[in-house]
Amino acid sequence: MGNFNVDIIKDNNRLKNKHELLCFMDKFPLKSQVNENTTKVGSQSDHIWANVFGNECKFGVIKAYWSNFHKLIYFAFQLLNTLPMYNKKPLMSQFI
């Protein structure tokens, strides 16, 4: 997640960098999760790469007025309930 300084939407003078980045991420295999522009000029240099899909994660772009050039990107994921169950009694009651 972050500013990779490689636009994967447009073909520009950094086409070699775009190709190298896509090949590199494909080896893991990671897929770009943000599918819209992330800057005020319509480029996508901010990326989130992940190998999770479906309802586990949500990805997107926040269109905020306070951003000077880059839009904010985010991801959120749901934690699985795998933590052990603890005694729900108040802690002090164990000592009384």
N, C-alpha and C. Protein backbone atom coordinates (compact mmCIF):
# COMPACT_ATOMS: atom_id res chain seq x y z
N MET A 1 0.85 -1.17 0.00
CA MET A 1 0.00 0.00 0.00
C MET A 1 0.90 1.23 0.00
N GLY A 2 0.60 2.17 -0.88
CA GLY A 2 1.37 3.40 -0.86
C GLY A 2 1.55 4.01 -2.23
N ASN A 3 2.40 5.03 -2.28
CA ASN A 3 2.70 5.74 -3.51
C ASN A 3 3.87 5.06 -4.19
N PHE A 4 3.60 4.37 -5.28
CA PHE A 4 4.63 3.64 -6.00
C PHE A 4 5.29 4.48 -7.09
N ASN A 5 4.73 5.66 -7.37
CA ASN A 5 5.22 6.53 -8.44
C ASN A 5 5.24 5.84 -9.79
N VAL A 6 4.36 4.88 -9.98
CA VAL A 6 4.19 4.22 -11.26
C VAL A 6 2.70 4.24 -11.55
N ASP A 7 2.32 4.88 -12.65
CA ASP A 7 0.92 4.97 -13.04
C ASP A 7 0.55 3.71 -13.80
N ILE A 8 -0.39 2.93 -13.26
CA ILE A 8 -0.78 1.69 -13.95
C ILE A 8 -2.05 1.86 -14.78
N ILE A 9 -2.59 3.07 -14.86
CA ILE A 9 -3.75 3.33 -15.71
C ILE A 9 -3.32 3.80 -17.10
N LYS A 10 -2.49 4.81 -17.14
CA LYS A 10 -2.10 5.43 -18.40
C LYS A 10 -0.78 4.87 -18.91
N ASP A 11 -0.63 4.88 -20.21
CA ASP A 11 0.66 4.58 -20.81
C ASP A 11 1.42 5.89 -20.91
N ASN A 12 2.56 5.93 -20.29
CA ASN A 12 3.35 7.16 -20.29
C ASN A 12 4.83 6.84 -20.44
N ASN A 13 5.68 7.77 -20.13
CA ASN A 13 7.11 7.57 -20.31
C ASN A 13 7.70 6.58 -19.31
N ARG A 14 6.92 6.12 -18.36
CA ARG A 14 7.41 5.12 -17.40
C ARG A 14 6.81 3.75 -17.69
N LEU A 15 6.58 3.46 -18.96
CA LEU A 15 5.96 2.20 -19.35
C LEU A 15 6.80 1.01 -18.91
N LYS A 16 8.13 1.13 -18.97
CA LYS A 16 9.01 0.05 -18.51
C LYS A 16 8.79 -0.20 -17.03
N ASN A 17 8.70 0.86 -16.24
CA ASN A 17 8.45 0.70 -14.80
C ASN A 17 7.11 0.04 -14.54
N LYS A 18 6.10 0.42 -15.32
CA LYS A 18 4.77 -0.18 -15.18
C LYS A 18 4.84 -1.68 -15.45
N HIS A 19 5.48 -2.06 -16.53
CA HIS A 19 5.60 -3.47 -16.89
C HIS A 19 6.36 -4.24 -15.81
N GLU A 20 7.47 -3.68 -15.31
CA GLU A 20 8.25 -4.34 -14.27
C GLU A 20 7.45 -4.52 -12.99
N LEU A 21 6.70 -3.49 -12.61
CA LEU A 21 5.89 -3.57 -11.39
C LEU A 21 4.81 -4.64 -11.54
N LEU A 22 4.11 -4.66 -12.67
CA LEU A 22 3.05 -5.65 -12.87
C LEU A 22 3.61 -7.07 -12.89
N CYS A 23 4.75 -7.27 -13.51
CA CYS A 23 5.39 -8.60 -13.53
C CYS A 23 5.83 -9.02 -12.13
N PHE A 24 6.40 -8.08 -11.39
CA PHE A 24 6.86 -8.36 -10.03
C PHE A 24 5.70 -8.77 -9.14
N MET A 25 4.61 -8.02 -9.17
CA MET A 25 3.46 -8.32 -8.31
C MET A 25 2.77 -9.62 -8.73
N ASP A 26 2.82 -9.93 -10.02
CA ASP A 26 2.19 -11.14 -10.52
C ASP A 26 2.90 -12.40 -10.04
N LYS A 27 4.16 -12.30 -9.68
CA LYS A 27 4.92 -13.47 -9.21
C LYS A 27 4.46 -13.96 -7.85
N PHE A 28 3.79 -13.13 -7.06
CA PHE A 28 3.48 -13.50 -5.67
C PHE A 28 2.18 -14.25 -5.43
N PRO A 29 1.12 -14.28 -5.99
CA PRO A 29 0.50 -13.37 -6.94
C PRO A 29 -0.32 -12.31 -6.22
N LEU A 30 0.01 -11.08 -6.46
CA LEU A 30 -0.71 -9.95 -5.87
C LEU A 30 -1.45 -9.20 -6.97
N LYS A 31 -2.63 -8.79 -6.67
CA LYS A 31 -3.45 -8.05 -7.64
C LYS A 31 -3.71 -6.65 -7.11
N SER A 32 -3.76 -5.70 -8.02
CA SER A 32 -4.07 -4.32 -7.65
C SER A 32 -5.53 -4.25 -7.22
N GLN A 33 -5.78 -3.66 -6.06
CA GLN A 33 -7.13 -3.62 -5.51
C GLN A 33 -7.82 -2.28 -5.73
N VAL A 34 -7.08 -1.27 -6.11
CA VAL A 34 -7.67 0.04 -6.38
C VAL A 34 -7.77 0.18 -7.90
N ASN A 35 -8.97 0.34 -8.40
CA ASN A 35 -9.18 0.37 -9.84
C ASN A 35 -9.70 1.71 -10.33
N GLU A 36 -9.21 2.77 -9.74
CA GLU A 36 -9.60 4.11 -10.19
C GLU A 36 -8.43 5.05 -9.95
N ASN A 37 -8.51 6.25 -10.50
CA ASN A 37 -7.39 7.18 -10.35
C ASN A 37 -7.26 7.60 -8.89
N THR A 38 -6.01 7.88 -8.53
CA THR A 38 -5.71 8.23 -7.14
C THR A 38 -5.04 9.60 -7.02
N THR A 39 -5.02 10.35 -8.11
CA THR A 39 -4.47 11.70 -8.08
C THR A 39 -5.46 12.66 -8.73
N LYS A 40 -5.23 13.93 -8.53
CA LYS A 40 -6.14 14.93 -9.09
C LYS A 40 -6.00 15.08 -10.60
N VAL A 41 -4.95 14.50 -11.20
CA VAL A 41 -4.76 14.59 -12.65
C VAL A 41 -5.19 13.31 -13.37
N GLY A 42 -5.80 12.38 -12.65
CA GLY A 42 -6.34 11.18 -13.28
C GLY A 42 -5.37 10.01 -13.40
N SER A 43 -4.26 10.06 -12.70
CA SER A 43 -3.32 8.93 -12.74
C SER A 43 -3.53 8.05 -11.51
N GLN A 44 -2.94 6.88 -11.56
CA GLN A 44 -3.01 5.97 -10.42
C GLN A 44 -1.60 5.56 -10.01
N SER A 45 -0.99 6.35 -9.16
CA SER A 45 0.34 6.03 -8.67
C SER A 45 0.30 5.50 -7.25
N ASP A 46 -0.85 5.56 -6.62
CA ASP A 46 -1.04 5.02 -5.28
C ASP A 46 -1.75 3.67 -5.42
N HIS A 47 -1.15 2.64 -4.85
CA HIS A 47 -1.65 1.29 -5.07
C HIS A 47 -1.85 0.56 -3.75
N ILE A 48 -2.74 -0.41 -3.80
CA ILE A 48 -2.87 -1.41 -2.75
C ILE A 48 -2.80 -2.76 -3.47
N TRP A 49 -1.83 -3.56 -3.12
CA TRP A 49 -1.66 -4.89 -3.72
C TRP A 49 -1.99 -5.92 -2.65
N ALA A 50 -2.80 -6.91 -3.02
CA ALA A 50 -3.18 -7.93 -2.03
C ALA A 50 -3.54 -9.22 -2.74
N ASN A 51 -3.58 -10.29 -1.96
CA ASN A 51 -4.00 -11.59 -2.50
C ASN A 51 -5.23 -12.10 -1.77
N VAL A 52 -6.02 -11.19 -1.22
CA VAL A 52 -7.28 -11.56 -0.57
C VAL A 52 -8.43 -10.97 -1.37
N PHE A 53 -9.51 -11.70 -1.42
CA PHE A 53 -10.64 -11.26 -2.21
C PHE A 53 -11.93 -11.53 -1.46
N GLY A 54 -13.00 -11.01 -1.97
CA GLY A 54 -14.30 -11.26 -1.38
C GLY A 54 -14.63 -10.34 -0.24
N ASN A 55 -15.31 -10.87 0.75
CA ASN A 55 -15.80 -10.06 1.86
C ASN A 55 -14.76 -9.84 2.95
N GLU A 56 -13.59 -10.46 2.84
CA GLU A 56 -12.59 -10.31 3.89
C GLU A 56 -12.04 -8.89 3.94
N CYS A 57 -11.90 -8.25 2.79
CA CYS A 57 -11.28 -6.93 2.74
C CYS A 57 -12.08 -5.97 1.87
N LYS A 58 -11.98 -4.72 2.22
CA LYS A 58 -12.57 -3.64 1.43
C LYS A 58 -11.46 -2.66 1.08
N PHE A 59 -11.42 -2.22 -0.15
CA PHE A 59 -10.40 -1.31 -0.64
C PHE A 59 -11.08 -0.14 -1.32
N GLY A 60 -10.43 1.01 -1.32
CA GLY A 60 -11.03 2.13 -2.03
C GLY A 60 -10.23 3.41 -1.97
N VAL A 61 -10.84 4.44 -2.54
CA VAL A 61 -10.25 5.77 -2.61
C VAL A 61 -11.19 6.72 -1.88
N ILE A 62 -10.63 7.54 -1.01
CA ILE A 62 -11.41 8.56 -0.31
C ILE A 62 -11.23 9.86 -1.06
N LYS A 63 -12.30 10.41 -1.54
CA LYS A 63 -12.24 11.67 -2.27
C LYS A 63 -12.41 12.81 -1.28
N ALA A 64 -11.30 13.31 -0.77
CA ALA A 64 -11.32 14.34 0.27
C ALA A 64 -10.92 15.68 -0.30
N TYR A 65 -11.54 16.72 0.16
CA TYR A 65 -11.25 18.05 -0.35
C TYR A 65 -9.91 18.58 0.15
N TRP A 66 -9.38 18.05 1.25
CA TRP A 66 -8.15 18.61 1.82
C TRP A 66 -6.88 18.03 1.18
N SER A 67 -7.00 17.04 0.34
CA SER A 67 -5.83 16.46 -0.29
C SER A 67 -5.28 17.42 -1.34
N ASN A 68 -3.98 17.64 -1.33
CA ASN A 68 -3.40 18.60 -2.27
C ASN A 68 -3.22 18.01 -3.67
N PHE A 69 -2.79 16.77 -3.80
CA PHE A 69 -2.62 16.14 -5.11
C PHE A 69 -3.10 14.70 -5.08
N HIS A 70 -2.63 13.93 -4.10
CA HIS A 70 -3.00 12.52 -4.00
C HIS A 70 -4.31 12.37 -3.24
N LYS A 71 -5.15 11.48 -3.72
CA LYS A 71 -6.34 11.10 -2.96
C LYS A 71 -5.92 10.05 -1.93
N LEU A 72 -6.68 9.91 -0.90
CA LEU A 72 -6.38 8.93 0.14
C LEU A 72 -6.88 7.55 -0.28
N ILE A 73 -6.05 6.54 -0.07
CA ILE A 73 -6.48 5.16 -0.33
C ILE A 73 -6.60 4.46 1.01
N TYR A 74 -7.44 3.44 1.04
CA TYR A 74 -7.65 2.72 2.30
C TYR A 74 -7.91 1.25 2.06
N PHE A 75 -7.67 0.46 3.09
CA PHE A 75 -8.14 -0.91 3.11
C PHE A 75 -8.61 -1.22 4.52
N ALA A 76 -9.60 -2.05 4.60
CA ALA A 76 -10.14 -2.49 5.89
C ALA A 76 -10.39 -3.99 5.79
N PHE A 77 -10.14 -4.69 6.87
CA PHE A 77 -10.38 -6.12 6.84
C PHE A 77 -11.04 -6.56 8.13
N GLN A 78 -11.74 -7.65 8.03
CA GLN A 78 -12.46 -8.20 9.17
C GLN A 78 -11.58 -9.25 9.83
N LEU A 79 -11.37 -9.11 11.13
CA LEU A 79 -10.60 -10.10 11.87
C LEU A 79 -11.46 -11.32 12.14
N LEU A 80 -10.88 -12.47 11.97
CA LEU A 80 -11.59 -13.70 12.28
C LEU A 80 -11.65 -13.86 13.79
N ASN A 81 -12.69 -14.43 14.28
CA ASN A 81 -12.87 -14.62 15.72
C ASN A 81 -12.10 -15.86 16.17
N THR A 82 -10.77 -15.76 16.18
CA THR A 82 -9.94 -16.90 16.57
C THR A 82 -9.27 -16.69 17.92
N LEU A 83 -9.55 -15.58 18.59
CA LEU A 83 -8.96 -15.34 19.89
C LEU A 83 -9.61 -16.23 20.93
N PRO A 84 -8.84 -16.68 21.93
CA PRO A 84 -9.43 -17.54 22.97
C PRO A 84 -10.48 -16.78 23.78
N MET A 85 -11.45 -17.50 24.24
CA MET A 85 -12.49 -16.91 25.08
C MET A 85 -11.92 -16.71 26.49
N TYR A 86 -12.10 -15.53 27.02
CA TYR A 86 -11.64 -15.22 28.36
C TYR A 86 -12.82 -15.19 29.31
N ASN A 87 -12.52 -15.34 30.58
CA ASN A 87 -13.53 -15.27 31.60
C ASN A 87 -14.17 -13.89 31.54
N LYS A 88 -15.49 -13.83 31.43
CA LYS A 88 -16.17 -12.55 31.28
C LYS A 88 -16.49 -11.90 32.61
N LYS A 89 -16.12 -12.53 33.73
CA LYS A 89 -16.37 -11.92 35.03
C LYS A 89 -15.41 -10.76 35.23
N PRO A 90 -15.81 -9.76 35.98
CA PRO A 90 -14.89 -8.66 36.28
C PRO A 90 -13.65 -9.20 36.98
N LEU A 91 -12.53 -8.61 36.69
CA LEU A 91 -11.25 -9.06 37.22
C LEU A 91 -11.22 -9.08 38.73
N MET A 92 -11.80 -8.09 39.40
CA MET A 92 -11.75 -8.01 40.86
C MET A 92 -12.55 -9.14 41.50
N SER A 93 -13.56 -9.66 40.85
CA SER A 93 -14.38 -10.70 41.47
C SER A 93 -13.59 -12.00 41.65
N GLN A 94 -12.50 -12.16 40.93
CA GLN A 94 -11.68 -13.37 41.07
C GLN A 94 -10.89 -13.35 42.37
N PHE A 95 -10.72 -12.18 42.97
CA PHE A 95 -9.91 -12.08 44.18
C PHE A 95 -10.75 -11.98 45.43
N ILE A 96 -12.06 -11.88 45.31
CA ILE A 96 -12.92 -11.73 46.50
C ILE A 96 -13.37 -13.06 47.01
